């Protein structure tokens, strides 16, 4: 079982992904937007959510090293893209996944910083 910030980070990251999928599913199935118009958007949004899911999972599970660095880059890029999407899309519902992804990314950097401080001390 994951405890402390690792568990919270994993939960926040995966809740961001689940909420994002639910919101896009609602937009897709509601019929407010022509489905042929949002196919490219769905692919881009799916890529962002995949980056967050893989990044947060690898960051929590991987040992230190190159895998941890790649996971942090993936998580950061996914979070930046998702937050940018929220800012330019004017869809308020995207705020919850973006906030959860930001929390997961912030916890990841906080854990990285605390490891570095402990290593130096």
PDB file of N, CA and C in Angstrom:
ATOM      1  N   UNK A   1       0.838  -1.173   0.000  1.00  0.00           N
ATOM      2  CA  UNK A   1       0.000   0.000   0.000  1.00  0.00           C
ATOM      3  C   UNK A   1       0.886   1.240   0.000  1.00  0.00           C
ATOM      4  N   UNK A   2       0.463   2.233  -0.766  1.00  0.00           N
ATOM      5  CA  UNK A   2       1.210   3.478  -0.826  1.00  0.00           C
ATOM      6  C   UNK A   2       0.745   4.406   0.284  1.00  0.00           C
ATOM      7  N   UNK A   3       1.709   4.983   0.955  1.00  0.00           N
ATOM      8  CA  UNK A   3       1.388   5.879   2.059  1.00  0.00           C
ATOM      9  C   UNK A   3       1.968   7.250   1.791  1.00  0.00           C
ATOM     10  N   UNK A   4       1.438   8.216   2.469  1.00  0.00           N
ATOM     11  CA  UNK A   4       1.967   9.562   2.420  1.00  0.00           C
ATOM     12  C   UNK A   4       1.746  10.240   1.080  1.00  0.00           C
ATOM     13  N   UNK A   5       2.733  11.026   0.679  1.00  0.00           N
ATOM     14  CA  UNK A   5       2.579  11.822  -0.534  1.00  0.00           C
ATOM     15  C   UNK A   5       2.533  10.960  -1.795  1.00  0.00           C
ATOM     16  N   UNK A   6       3.167   9.802  -1.781  1.00  0.00           N
ATOM     17  CA  UNK A   6       3.114   8.939  -2.974  1.00  0.00           C
ATOM     18  C   UNK A   6       1.688   8.475  -3.248  1.00  0.00           C
ATOM     19  N   UNK A   7       0.971   8.089  -2.214  1.00  0.00           N
ATOM     20  CA  UNK A   7      -0.417   7.660  -2.381  1.00  0.00           C
ATOM     21  C   UNK A   7      -1.324   8.792  -2.817  1.00  0.00           C
ATOM     22  N   UNK A   8      -1.127   9.963  -2.228  1.00  0.00           N
ATOM     23  CA  UNK A   8      -1.933  11.122  -2.603  1.00  0.00           C
ATOM     24  C   UNK A   8      -1.627  11.524  -4.036  1.00  0.00           C
ATOM     25  N   UNK A   9      -0.355  11.486  -4.402  1.00  0.00           N
ATOM     26  CA  UNK A   9       0.041  11.816  -5.770  1.00  0.00           C
ATOM     27  C   UNK A   9      -0.603  10.863  -6.776  1.00  0.00           C
ATOM     28  N   UNK A  10      -0.539   9.582  -6.489  1.00  0.00           N
ATOM     29  CA  UNK A  10      -1.123   8.587  -7.384  1.00  0.00           C
ATOM     30  C   UNK A  10      -2.637   8.760  -7.480  1.00  0.00           C
ATOM     31  N   UNK A  11      -3.286   8.987  -6.351  1.00  0.00           N
ATOM     32  CA  UNK A  11      -4.739   9.177  -6.355  1.00  0.00           C
ATOM     33  C   UNK A  11      -5.133  10.435  -7.124  1.00  0.00           C
ATOM     34  N   UNK A  12      -4.428  11.528  -6.901  1.00  0.00           N
ATOM     35  CA  UNK A  12      -4.753  12.780  -7.596  1.00  0.00           C
ATOM     36  C   UNK A  12      -4.529  12.641  -9.099  1.00  0.00           C
ATOM     37  N   UNK A  13      -3.436  12.005  -9.490  1.00  0.00           N
ATOM     38  CA  UNK A  13      -3.155  11.823 -10.912  1.00  0.00           C
ATOM     39  C   UNK A  13      -4.203  10.977 -11.601  1.00  0.00           C
ATOM     40  N   UNK A  14      -4.548   9.857 -10.982  1.00  0.00           N
ATOM     41  CA  UNK A  14      -5.543   8.979 -11.598  1.00  0.00           C
ATOM     42  C   UNK A  14      -6.944   9.562 -11.531  1.00  0.00           C
ATOM     43  N   UNK A  15      -7.270  10.322 -10.492  1.00  0.00           N
ATOM     44  CA  UNK A  15      -8.565  11.009 -10.461  1.00  0.00           C
ATOM     45  C   UNK A  15      -8.647  12.060 -11.557  1.00  0.00           C
ATOM     46  N   UNK A  16      -7.519  12.714 -11.857  1.00  0.00           N
ATOM     47  CA  UNK A  16      -7.494  13.668 -12.973  1.00  0.00           C
ATOM     48  C   UNK A  16      -7.795  12.953 -14.287  1.00  0.00           C
ATOM     49  N   UNK A  17      -7.198  11.779 -14.471  1.00  0.00           N
ATOM     50  CA  UNK A  17      -7.423  11.018 -15.695  1.00  0.00           C
ATOM     51  C   UNK A  17      -8.875  10.548 -15.781  1.00  0.00           C
ATOM     52  N   UNK A  18      -9.396  10.002 -14.703  1.00  0.00           N
ATOM     53  CA  UNK A  18     -10.777   9.497 -14.697  1.00  0.00           C
ATOM     54  C   UNK A  18     -11.770  10.638 -14.927  1.00  0.00           C
ATOM     55  N   UNK A  19     -11.558  11.763 -14.256  1.00  0.00           N
ATOM     56  CA  UNK A  19     -12.457  12.911 -14.445  1.00  0.00           C
ATOM     57  C   UNK A  19     -12.351  13.440 -15.869  1.00  0.00           C
ATOM     58  N   UNK A  20     -11.148  13.479 -16.410  1.00  0.00           N
ATOM     59  CA  UNK A  20     -10.967  13.949 -17.780  1.00  0.00           C
ATOM     60  C   UNK A  20     -11.661  13.063 -18.798  1.00  0.00           C
ATOM     61  N   UNK A  21     -11.561  11.759 -18.609  1.00  0.00           N
ATOM     62  CA  UNK A  21     -12.242  10.822 -19.511  1.00  0.00           C
ATOM     63  C   UNK A  21     -13.755  10.976 -19.396  1.00  0.00           C
ATOM     64  N   UNK A  22     -14.251  11.141 -18.188  1.00  0.00           N
ATOM     65  CA  UNK A  22     -15.693  11.304 -17.988  1.00  0.00           C
ATOM     66  C   UNK A  22     -16.200  12.585 -18.653  1.00  0.00           C
ATOM     67  N   UNK A  23     -15.452  13.646 -18.537  1.00  0.00           N
ATOM     68  CA  UNK A  23     -15.866  14.917 -19.132  1.00  0.00           C
ATOM     69  C   UNK A  23     -15.847  14.829 -20.651  1.00  0.00           C
ATOM     70  N   UNK A  24     -14.794  14.257 -21.207  1.00  0.00           N
ATOM     71  CA  UNK A  24     -14.738  14.131 -22.665  1.00  0.00           C
ATOM     72  C   UNK A  24     -15.814  13.170 -23.170  1.00  0.00           C
ATOM     73  N   UNK A  25     -16.091  12.125 -22.426  1.00  0.00           N
ATOM     74  CA  UNK A  25     -17.175  11.224 -22.816  1.00  0.00           C
ATOM     75  C   UNK A  25     -18.515  11.932 -22.822  1.00  0.00           C
ATOM     76  N   UNK A  26     -18.741  12.771 -21.832  1.00  0.00           N
ATOM     77  CA  UNK A  26     -19.977  13.528 -21.776  1.00  0.00           C
ATOM     78  C   UNK A  26     -20.083  14.490 -22.948  1.00  0.00           C
ATOM     79  N   UNK A  27     -18.993  15.169 -23.270  1.00  0.00           N
ATOM     80  CA  UNK A  27     -19.003  16.102 -24.407  1.00  0.00           C
ATOM     81  C   UNK A  27     -19.240  15.343 -25.708  1.00  0.00           C
ATOM     82  N   UNK A  28     -18.599  14.201 -25.858  1.00  0.00           N
ATOM     83  CA  UNK A  28     -18.717  13.408 -27.072  1.00  0.00           C
ATOM     84  C   UNK A  28     -20.140  12.861 -27.237  1.00  0.00           C
ATOM     85  N   UNK A  29     -20.694  12.302 -26.155  1.00  0.00           N
ATOM     86  CA  UNK A  29     -21.985  11.629 -26.246  1.00  0.00           C
ATOM     87  C   UNK A  29     -23.187  12.560 -26.130  1.00  0.00           C
ATOM     88  N   UNK A  30     -22.979  13.772 -25.644  1.00  0.00           N
ATOM     89  CA  UNK A  30     -24.108  14.673 -25.436  1.00  0.00           C
ATOM     90  C   UNK A  30     -24.673  15.206 -26.744  1.00  0.00           C
ATOM     91  N   UNK A  31     -23.862  15.272 -27.778  1.00  0.00           N
ATOM     92  CA  UNK A  31     -24.343  15.754 -29.067  1.00  0.00           C
ATOM     93  C   UNK A  31     -24.342  17.263 -29.209  1.00  0.00           C
ATOM     94  N   UNK A  32     -23.789  17.981 -28.228  1.00  0.00           N
ATOM     95  CA  UNK A  32     -23.723  19.434 -28.350  1.00  0.00           C
ATOM     96  C   UNK A  32     -22.772  19.855 -29.464  1.00  0.00           C
ATOM     97  N   UNK A  33     -21.755  19.046 -29.680  1.00  0.00           N
ATOM     98  CA  UNK A  33     -20.760  19.326 -30.707  1.00  0.00           C
ATOM     99  C   UNK A  33     -20.807  18.176 -31.702  1.00  0.00           C
ATOM    100  N   UNK A  34     -20.684  18.496 -32.965  1.00  0.00           N
ATOM    101  CA  UNK A  34     -20.682  17.468 -34.001  1.00  0.00           C
ATOM    102  C   UNK A  34     -19.506  16.515 -33.746  1.00  0.00           C
ATOM    103  N   UNK A  35     -19.767  15.215 -33.643  1.00  0.00           N
ATOM    104  CA  UNK A  35     -18.692  14.258 -33.332  1.00  0.00           C
ATOM    105  C   UNK A  35     -17.520  14.292 -34.304  1.00  0.00           C
ATOM    106  N   UNK A  36     -17.776  14.599 -35.571  1.00  0.00           N
ATOM    107  CA  UNK A  36     -16.663  14.640 -36.526  1.00  0.00           C
ATOM    108  C   UNK A  36     -15.743  15.838 -36.273  1.00  0.00           C
ATOM    109  N   UNK A  37     -16.247  16.858 -35.581  1.00  0.00           N
ATOM    110  CA  UNK A  37     -15.453  18.051 -35.302  1.00  0.00           C
ATOM    111  C   UNK A  37     -14.513  17.866 -34.116  1.00  0.00           C
ATOM    112  N   UNK A  38     -14.781  16.879 -33.267  1.00  0.00           N
ATOM    113  CA  UNK A  38     -13.976  16.747 -32.058  1.00  0.00           C
ATOM    114  C   UNK A  38     -13.042  15.539 -32.061  1.00  0.00           C
ATOM    115  N   UNK A  39     -12.942  14.841 -33.179  1.00  0.00           N
ATOM    116  CA  UNK A  39     -12.099  13.647 -33.218  1.00  0.00           C
ATOM    117  C   UNK A  39     -10.639  14.008 -32.943  1.00  0.00           C
ATOM    118  N   UNK A  40     -10.120  15.039 -33.590  1.00  0.00           N
ATOM    119  CA  UNK A  40      -8.730  15.444 -33.365  1.00  0.00           C
ATOM    120  C   UNK A  40      -8.532  15.921 -31.931  1.00  0.00           C
ATOM    121  N   UNK A  41      -9.528  16.613 -31.394  1.00  0.00           N
ATOM    122  CA  UNK A  41      -9.443  17.076 -30.011  1.00  0.00           C
ATOM    123  C   UNK A  41      -9.412  15.896 -29.039  1.00  0.00           C
ATOM    124  N   UNK A  42     -10.208  14.884 -29.330  1.00  0.00           N
ATOM    125  CA  UNK A  42     -10.222  13.702 -28.473  1.00  0.00           C
ATOM    126  C   UNK A  42      -8.876  12.989 -28.480  1.00  0.00           C
ATOM    127  N   UNK A  43      -8.242  12.925 -29.637  1.00  0.00           N
ATOM    128  CA  UNK A  43      -6.923  12.286 -29.711  1.00  0.00           C
ATOM    129  C   UNK A  43      -5.883  13.076 -28.913  1.00  0.00           C
ATOM    130  N   UNK A  44      -5.903  14.388 -29.060  1.00  0.00           N
ATOM    131  CA  UNK A  44      -4.956  15.221 -28.317  1.00  0.00           C
ATOM    132  C   UNK A  44      -5.211  15.137 -26.817  1.00  0.00           C
ATOM    133  N   UNK A  45      -6.474  15.187 -26.434  1.00  0.00           N
ATOM    134  CA  UNK A  45      -6.820  15.120 -25.018  1.00  0.00           C
ATOM    135  C   UNK A  45      -6.463  13.751 -24.442  1.00  0.00           C
ATOM    136  N   UNK A  46      -6.705  12.707 -25.218  1.00  0.00           N
ATOM    137  CA  UNK A  46      -6.325  11.356 -24.796  1.00  0.00           C
ATOM    138  C   UNK A  46      -4.825  11.229 -24.599  1.00  0.00           C
ATOM    139  N   UNK A  47      -4.042  11.864 -25.458  1.00  0.00           N
ATOM    140  CA  UNK A  47      -2.582  11.842 -25.304  1.00  0.00           C
ATOM    141  C   UNK A  47      -2.163  12.546 -24.022  1.00  0.00           C
ATOM    142  N   UNK A  48      -2.801  13.670 -23.723  1.00  0.00           N
ATOM    143  CA  UNK A  48      -2.482  14.376 -22.475  1.00  0.00           C
ATOM    144  C   UNK A  48      -2.796  13.510 -21.259  1.00  0.00           C
ATOM    145  N   UNK A  49      -3.957  12.873 -21.279  1.00  0.00           N
ATOM    146  CA  UNK A  49      -4.339  12.032 -20.150  1.00  0.00           C
ATOM    147  C   UNK A  49      -3.440  10.806 -20.041  1.00  0.00           C
ATOM    148  N   UNK A  50      -3.020  10.259 -21.173  1.00  0.00           N
ATOM    149  CA  UNK A  50      -2.097   9.118 -21.149  1.00  0.00           C
ATOM    150  C   UNK A  50      -0.747   9.524 -20.565  1.00  0.00           C
ATOM    151  N   UNK A  51      -0.270  10.711 -20.915  1.00  0.00           N
ATOM    152  CA  UNK A  51       0.991  11.194 -20.334  1.00  0.00           C
ATOM    153  C   UNK A  51       0.881  11.326 -18.824  1.00  0.00           C
ATOM    154  N   UNK A  52      -0.241  11.854 -18.358  1.00  0.00           N
ATOM    155  CA  UNK A  52      -0.430  12.008 -16.911  1.00  0.00           C
ATOM    156  C   UNK A  52      -0.507  10.643 -16.240  1.00  0.00           C
ATOM    157  N   UNK A  53      -1.287   9.727 -16.808  1.00  0.00           N
ATOM    158  CA  UNK A  53      -1.449   8.400 -16.203  1.00  0.00           C
ATOM    159  C   UNK A  53      -0.124   7.649 -16.145  1.00  0.00           C
ATOM    160  N   UNK A  54       0.602   7.621 -17.251  1.00  0.00           N
ATOM    161  CA  UNK A  54       1.890   6.925 -17.257  1.00  0.00           C
ATOM    162  C   UNK A  54       2.907   7.633 -16.374  1.00  0.00           C
ATOM    163  N   UNK A  55       2.918   8.956 -16.451  1.00  0.00           N
ATOM    164  CA  UNK A  55       3.887   9.711 -15.663  1.00  0.00           C
ATOM    165  C   UNK A  55       3.700   9.537 -14.173  1.00  0.00           C
ATOM    166  N   UNK A  56       2.463   9.641 -13.698  1.00  0.00           N
ATOM    167  CA  UNK A  56       2.228   9.525 -12.263  1.00  0.00           C
ATOM    168  C   UNK A  56       2.460   8.091 -11.785  1.00  0.00           C
ATOM    169  N   UNK A  57       2.074   7.113 -12.594  1.00  0.00           N
ATOM    170  CA  UNK A  57       2.267   5.721 -12.190  1.00  0.00           C
ATOM    171  C   UNK A  57       3.751   5.366 -12.140  1.00  0.00           C
ATOM    172  N   UNK A  58       4.488   5.749 -13.174  1.00  0.00           N
ATOM    173  CA  UNK A  58       5.924   5.452 -13.175  1.00  0.00           C
ATOM    174  C   UNK A  58       6.663   6.231 -12.096  1.00  0.00           C
ATOM    175  N   UNK A  59       6.243   7.477 -11.855  1.00  0.00           N
ATOM    176  CA  UNK A  59       6.921   8.283 -10.838  1.00  0.00           C
ATOM    177  C   UNK A  59       6.759   7.681  -9.456  1.00  0.00           C
ATOM    178  N   UNK A  60       5.589   7.151  -9.172  1.00  0.00           N
ATOM    179  CA  UNK A  60       5.342   6.572  -7.853  1.00  0.00           C
ATOM    180  C   UNK A  60       6.020   5.206  -7.719  1.00  0.00           C
ATOM    181  N   UNK A  61       6.028   4.413  -8.775  1.00  0.00           N
ATOM    182  CA  UNK A  61       6.510   3.038  -8.689  1.00  0.00           C
ATOM    183  C   UNK A  61       7.985   2.860  -9.020  1.00  0.00           C
ATOM    184  N   UNK A  62       8.550   3.709  -9.857  1.00  0.00           N
ATOM    185  CA  UNK A  62       9.907   3.498 -10.345  1.00  0.00           C
ATOM    186  C   UNK A  62      10.950   3.863  -9.292  1.00  0.00           C
ATOM    187  N   UNK A  63      12.065   3.160  -9.299  1.00  0.00           N
ATOM    188  CA  UNK A  63      13.169   3.564  -8.430  1.00  0.00           C
ATOM    189  C   UNK A  63      13.814   4.830  -8.991  1.00  0.00           C
ATOM    190  N   UNK A  64      14.714   5.398  -8.235  1.00  0.00           N
ATOM    191  CA  UNK A  64      15.406   6.608  -8.700  1.00  0.00           C
ATOM    192  C   UNK A  64      16.201   6.288  -9.952  1.00  0.00           C
ATOM    193  N   UNK A  65      16.418   7.284 -10.773  1.00  0.00           N
ATOM    194  CA  UNK A  65      17.220   7.090 -11.972  1.00  0.00           C
ATOM    195  C   UNK A  65      16.538   7.665 -13.196  1.00  0.00           C
ATOM    196  N   UNK A  66      16.893   7.099 -14.339  1.00  0.00           N
ATOM    197  CA  UNK A  66      16.392   7.608 -15.608  1.00  0.00           C
ATOM    198  C   UNK A  66      14.885   7.421 -15.738  1.00  0.00           C
ATOM    199  N   UNK A  67      14.370   6.315 -15.250  1.00  0.00           N
ATOM    200  CA  UNK A  67      12.930   6.073 -15.338  1.00  0.00           C
ATOM    201  C   UNK A  67      12.157   7.123 -14.555  1.00  0.00           C
ATOM    202  N   UNK A  68      12.650   7.474 -13.404  1.00  0.00           N
ATOM    203  CA  UNK A  68      11.995   8.497 -12.576  1.00  0.00           C
ATOM    204  C   UNK A  68      12.033   9.849 -13.287  1.00  0.00           C
ATOM    205  N   UNK A  69      13.145  10.164 -13.938  1.00  0.00           N
ATOM    206  CA  UNK A  69      13.255  11.434 -14.659  1.00  0.00           C
ATOM    207  C   UNK A  69      12.296  11.484 -15.847  1.00  0.00           C
ATOM    208  N   UNK A  70      12.221  10.388 -16.600  1.00  0.00           N
ATOM    209  CA  UNK A  70      11.300  10.330 -17.737  1.00  0.00           C
ATOM    210  C   UNK A  70       9.858  10.439 -17.250  1.00  0.00           C
ATOM    211  N   UNK A  71       9.537   9.782 -16.151  1.00  0.00           N
ATOM    212  CA  UNK A  71       8.189   9.840 -15.594  1.00  0.00           C
ATOM    213  C   UNK A  71       7.841  11.263 -15.179  1.00  0.00           C
ATOM    214  N   UNK A  72       8.778  11.961 -14.565  1.00  0.00           N
ATOM    215  CA  UNK A  72       8.522  13.328 -14.132  1.00  0.00           C
ATOM    216  C   UNK A  72       8.317  14.252 -15.329  1.00  0.00           C
ATOM    217  N   UNK A  73       9.092  14.037 -16.389  1.00  0.00           N
ATOM    218  CA  UNK A  73       8.922  14.837 -17.609  1.00  0.00           C
ATOM    219  C   UNK A  73       7.554  14.562 -18.237  1.00  0.00           C
ATOM    220  N   UNK A  74       7.164  13.285 -18.294  1.00  0.00           N
ATOM    221  CA  UNK A  74       5.859  12.938 -18.861  1.00  0.00           C
ATOM    222  C   UNK A  74       4.726  13.564 -18.050  1.00  0.00           C
ATOM    223  N   UNK A  75       4.809  13.461 -16.740  1.00  0.00           N
ATOM    224  CA  UNK A  75       3.782  14.026 -15.869  1.00  0.00           C
ATOM    225  C   UNK A  75       3.708  15.543 -16.020  1.00  0.00           C
ATOM    226  N   UNK A  76       4.860  16.182 -16.090  1.00  0.00           N
ATOM    227  CA  UNK A  76       4.904  17.638 -16.220  1.00  0.00           C
ATOM    228  C   UNK A  76       4.336  18.090 -17.557  1.00  0.00           C
ATOM    229  N   UNK A  77       4.729  17.435 -18.643  1.00  0.00           N
ATOM    230  CA  UNK A  77       4.216  17.814 -19.961  1.00  0.00           C
ATOM    231  C   UNK A  77       2.707  17.596 -20.056  1.00  0.00           C
ATOM    232  N   UNK A  78       2.236  16.474 -19.536  1.00  0.00           N
ATOM    233  CA  UNK A  78       0.800  16.218 -19.542  1.00  0.00           C
ATOM    234  C   UNK A  78       0.031  17.242 -18.736  1.00  0.00           C
ATOM    235  N   UNK A  79       0.566  17.613 -17.585  1.00  0.00           N
ATOM    236  CA  UNK A  79      -0.095  18.607 -16.733  1.00  0.00           C
ATOM    237  C   UNK A  79      -0.102  19.979 -17.384  1.00  0.00           C
ATOM    238  N   UNK A  80       1.029  20.374 -17.975  1.00  0.00           N
ATOM    239  CA  UNK A  80       1.083  21.675 -18.654  1.00  0.00           C
ATOM    240  C   UNK A  80       0.112  21.719 -19.830  1.00  0.00           C
ATOM    241  N   UNK A  81       0.050  20.641 -20.597  1.00  0.00           N
ATOM    242  CA  UNK A  81      -0.859  20.597 -21.740  1.00  0.00           C
ATOM    243  C   UNK A  81      -2.313  20.632 -21.281  1.00  0.00           C
ATOM    244  N   UNK A  82      -2.633  19.871 -20.243  1.00  0.00           N
ATOM    245  CA  UNK A  82      -4.006  19.837 -19.737  1.00  0.00           C
ATOM    246  C   UNK A  82      -4.413  21.193 -19.156  1.00  0.00           C
ATOM    247  N   UNK A  83      -3.505  21.839 -18.445  1.00  0.00           N
ATOM    248  CA  UNK A  83      -3.800  23.152 -17.877  1.00  0.00           C
ATOM    249  C   UNK A  83      -3.963  24.188 -18.986  1.00  0.00           C
ATOM    250  N   UNK A  84      -3.108  24.116 -20.004  1.00  0.00           N
ATOM    251  CA  UNK A  84      -3.251  25.011 -21.149  1.00  0.00           C
ATOM    252  C   UNK A  84      -4.568  24.795 -21.872  1.00  0.00           C
ATOM    253  N   UNK A  85      -4.961  23.541 -22.013  1.00  0.00           N
ATOM    254  CA  UNK A  85      -6.244  23.207 -22.645  1.00  0.00           C
ATOM    255  C   UNK A  85      -7.393  23.824 -21.852  1.00  0.00           C
ATOM    256  N   UNK A  86      -7.323  23.724 -20.537  1.00  0.00           N
ATOM    257  CA  UNK A  86      -8.357  24.302 -19.677  1.00  0.00           C
ATOM    258  C   UNK A  86      -8.421  25.815 -19.852  1.00  0.00           C
ATOM    259  N   UNK A  87      -7.273  26.459 -19.919  1.00  0.00           N
ATOM    260  CA  UNK A  87      -7.238  27.921 -20.007  1.00  0.00           C
ATOM    261  C   UNK A  87      -7.800  28.409 -21.339  1.00  0.00           C
ATOM    262  N   UNK A  88      -7.476  27.729 -22.440  1.00  0.00           N
ATOM    263  CA  UNK A  88      -7.916  28.233 -23.745  1.00  0.00           C
ATOM    264  C   UNK A  88      -9.264  27.682 -24.202  1.00  0.00           C
ATOM    265  N   UNK A  89      -9.793  26.664 -23.519  1.00  0.00           N
ATOM    266  CA  UNK A  89     -11.017  26.025 -24.018  1.00  0.00           C
ATOM    267  C   UNK A  89     -12.298  26.692 -23.530  1.00  0.00           C
ATOM    268  N   UNK A  90     -12.235  27.442 -22.474  1.00  0.00           N
ATOM    269  CA  UNK A  90     -13.407  28.077 -21.885  1.00  0.00           C
ATOM    270  C   UNK A  90     -14.445  27.055 -21.409  1.00  0.00           C
ATOM    271  N   UNK A  91     -14.028  25.830 -21.165  1.00  0.00           N
ATOM    272  CA  UNK A  91     -14.913  24.809 -20.607  1.00  0.00           C
ATOM    273  C   UNK A  91     -14.543  24.665 -19.135  1.00  0.00           C
ATOM    274  N   UNK A  92     -15.408  25.111 -18.270  1.00  0.00           N
ATOM    275  CA  UNK A  92     -15.123  25.155 -16.837  1.00  0.00           C
ATOM    276  C   UNK A  92     -14.925  23.749 -16.268  1.00  0.00           C
ATOM    277  N   UNK A  93     -15.573  22.765 -16.857  1.00  0.00           N
ATOM    278  CA  UNK A  93     -15.463  21.395 -16.345  1.00  0.00           C
ATOM    279  C   UNK A  93     -14.035  20.855 -16.404  1.00  0.00           C
ATOM    280  N   UNK A  94     -13.220  21.364 -17.318  1.00  0.00           N
ATOM    281  CA  UNK A  94     -11.839  20.893 -17.414  1.00  0.00           C
ATOM    282  C   UNK A  94     -10.978  21.374 -16.243  1.00  0.00           C
ATOM    283  N   UNK A  95     -11.521  22.252 -15.400  1.00  0.00           N
ATOM    284  CA  UNK A  95     -10.759  22.775 -14.269  1.00  0.00           C
ATOM    285  C   UNK A  95     -10.440  21.724 -13.230  1.00  0.00           C
ATOM    286  N   UNK A  96     -11.364  20.818 -12.963  1.00  0.00           N
ATOM    287  CA  UNK A  96     -11.136  19.791 -11.941  1.00  0.00           C
ATOM    288  C   UNK A  96      -9.995  18.846 -12.327  1.00  0.00           C
ATOM    289  N   UNK A  97      -9.970  18.280 -13.539  1.00  0.00           N
ATOM    290  CA  UNK A  97      -8.825  17.435 -13.902  1.00  0.00           C
ATOM    291  C   UNK A  97      -7.508  18.213 -13.919  1.00  0.00           C
ATOM    292  N   UNK A  98      -7.559  19.463 -14.365  1.00  0.00           N
ATOM    293  CA  UNK A  98      -6.336  20.265 -14.396  1.00  0.00           C
ATOM    294  C   UNK A  98      -5.815  20.506 -12.977  1.00  0.00           C
ATOM    295  N   UNK A  99      -6.700  20.821 -12.050  1.00  0.00           N
ATOM    296  CA  UNK A  99      -6.289  21.053 -10.668  1.00  0.00           C
ATOM    297  C   UNK A  99      -5.715  19.783 -10.038  1.00  0.00           C
ATOM    298  N   UNK A 100      -6.365  18.651 -10.277  1.00  0.00           N
ATOM    299  CA  UNK A 100      -5.859  17.380  -9.743  1.00  0.00           C
ATOM    300  C   UNK A 100      -4.491  17.030 -10.325  1.00  0.00           C
ATOM    301  N   UNK A 101      -4.306  17.294 -11.614  1.00  0.00           N
ATOM    302  CA  UNK A 101      -3.002  17.030 -12.233  1.00  0.00           C
ATOM    303  C   UNK A 101      -1.927  17.956 -11.667  1.00  0.00           C
ATOM    304  N   UNK A 102      -2.286  19.193 -11.406  1.00  0.00           N
ATOM    305  CA  UNK A 102      -1.330  20.132 -10.806  1.00  0.00           C
ATOM    306  C   UNK A 102      -0.944  19.661  -9.408  1.00  0.00           C
ATOM    307  N   UNK A 103      -1.907  19.184  -8.644  1.00  0.00           N
ATOM    308  CA  UNK A 103      -1.605  18.667  -7.302  1.00  0.00           C
ATOM    309  C   UNK A 103      -0.660  17.477  -7.384  1.00  0.00           C
ATOM    310  N   UNK A 104      -0.927  16.551  -8.300  1.00  0.00           N
ATOM    311  CA  UNK A 104      -0.058  15.377  -8.455  1.00  0.00           C
ATOM    312  C   UNK A 104       1.354  15.790  -8.859  1.00  0.00           C
ATOM    313  N   UNK A 105       1.458  16.737  -9.772  1.00  0.00           N
ATOM    314  CA  UNK A 105       2.778  17.190 -10.221  1.00  0.00           C
ATOM    315  C   UNK A 105       3.514  17.921  -9.109  1.00  0.00           C
ATOM    316  N   UNK A 106       2.815  18.759  -8.362  1.00  0.00           N
ATOM    317  CA  UNK A 106       3.445  19.483  -7.257  1.00  0.00           C
ATOM    318  C   UNK A 106       3.955  18.513  -6.194  1.00  0.00           C
ATOM    319  N   UNK A 107       3.168  17.491  -5.888  1.00  0.00           N
ATOM    320  CA  UNK A 107       3.619  16.491  -4.913  1.00  0.00           C
ATOM    321  C   UNK A 107       4.833  15.728  -5.424  1.00  0.00           C
ATOM    322  N   UNK A 108       4.867  15.472  -6.714  1.00  0.00           N
ATOM    323  CA  UNK A 108       6.010  14.776  -7.293  1.00  0.00           C
ATOM    324  C   UNK A 108       7.287  15.609  -7.139  1.00  0.00           C
ATOM    325  N   UNK A 109       7.182  16.901  -7.437  1.00  0.00           N
ATOM    326  CA  UNK A 109       8.352  17.767  -7.283  1.00  0.00           C
ATOM    327  C   UNK A 109       8.713  17.955  -5.809  1.00  0.00           C
ATOM    328  N   UNK A 110       7.724  17.982  -4.931  1.00  0.00           N
ATOM    329  CA  UNK A 110       8.009  18.107  -3.500  1.00  0.00           C
ATOM    330  C   UNK A 110       8.762  16.878  -2.998  1.00  0.00           C
ATOM    331  N   UNK A 111       8.345  15.685  -3.446  1.00  0.00           N
ATOM    332  CA  UNK A 111       9.064  14.467  -3.049  1.00  0.00           C
ATOM    333  C   UNK A 111      10.479  14.468  -3.606  1.00  0.00           C
ATOM    334  N   UNK A 112      10.638  14.940  -4.847  1.00  0.00           N
ATOM    335  CA  UNK A 112      11.970  15.017  -5.445  1.00  0.00           C
ATOM    336  C   UNK A 112      12.844  15.974  -4.650  1.00  0.00           C
ATOM    337  N   UNK A 113      12.294  17.125  -4.280  1.00  0.00           N
ATOM    338  CA  UNK A 113      13.059  18.096  -3.506  1.00  0.00           C
ATOM    339  C   UNK A 113      13.433  17.580  -2.129  1.00  0.00           C
ATOM    340  N   UNK A 114      12.526  16.870  -1.480  1.00  0.00           N
ATOM    341  CA  UNK A 114      12.829  16.359  -0.142  1.00  0.00           C
ATOM    342  C   UNK A 114      13.890  15.264  -0.214  1.00  0.00           C
ATOM    343  N   UNK A 115      13.890  14.486  -1.291  1.00  0.00           N
ATOM    344  CA  UNK A 115      14.943  13.464  -1.458  1.00  0.00           C
ATOM    345  C   UNK A 115      16.300  14.118  -1.650  1.00  0.00           C
ATOM    346  N   UNK A 116      16.333  15.206  -2.412  1.00  0.00           N
ATOM    347  CA  UNK A 116      17.596  15.889  -2.675  1.00  0.00           C
ATOM    348  C   UNK A 116      18.130  16.542  -1.390  1.00  0.00           C
ATOM    349  N   UNK A 117      17.221  17.118  -0.603  1.00  0.00           N
ATOM    350  CA  UNK A 117      17.640  17.746   0.655  1.00  0.00           C
ATOM    351  C   UNK A 117      18.168  16.666   1.600  1.00  0.00           C
ATOM    352  N   UNK A 118      17.503  15.533   1.665  1.00  0.00           N
ATOM    353  CA  UNK A 118      17.949  14.450   2.539  1.00  0.00           C
ATOM    354  C   UNK A 118      19.291  13.877   2.063  1.00  0.00           C
ATOM    355  N   UNK A 119      19.500  13.846   0.759  1.00  0.00           N
ATOM    356  CA  UNK A 119      20.746  13.304   0.219  1.00  0.00           C
ATOM    357  C   UNK A 119      21.918  14.236   0.528  1.00  0.00           C
ATOM    358  N   UNK A 120      21.698  15.550   0.469  1.00  0.00           N
ATOM    359  CA  UNK A 120      22.762  16.510   0.717  1.00  0.00           C
ATOM    360  C   UNK A 120      23.083  16.583   2.209  1.00  0.00           C
ATOM    361  N   UNK A 121      22.069  16.483   3.036  1.00  0.00           N
ATOM    362  CA  UNK A 121      22.268  16.642   4.494  1.00  0.00           C
ATOM    363  C   UNK A 121      22.934  15.486   5.121  1.00  0.00           C
TER     364      UNK A 121
END
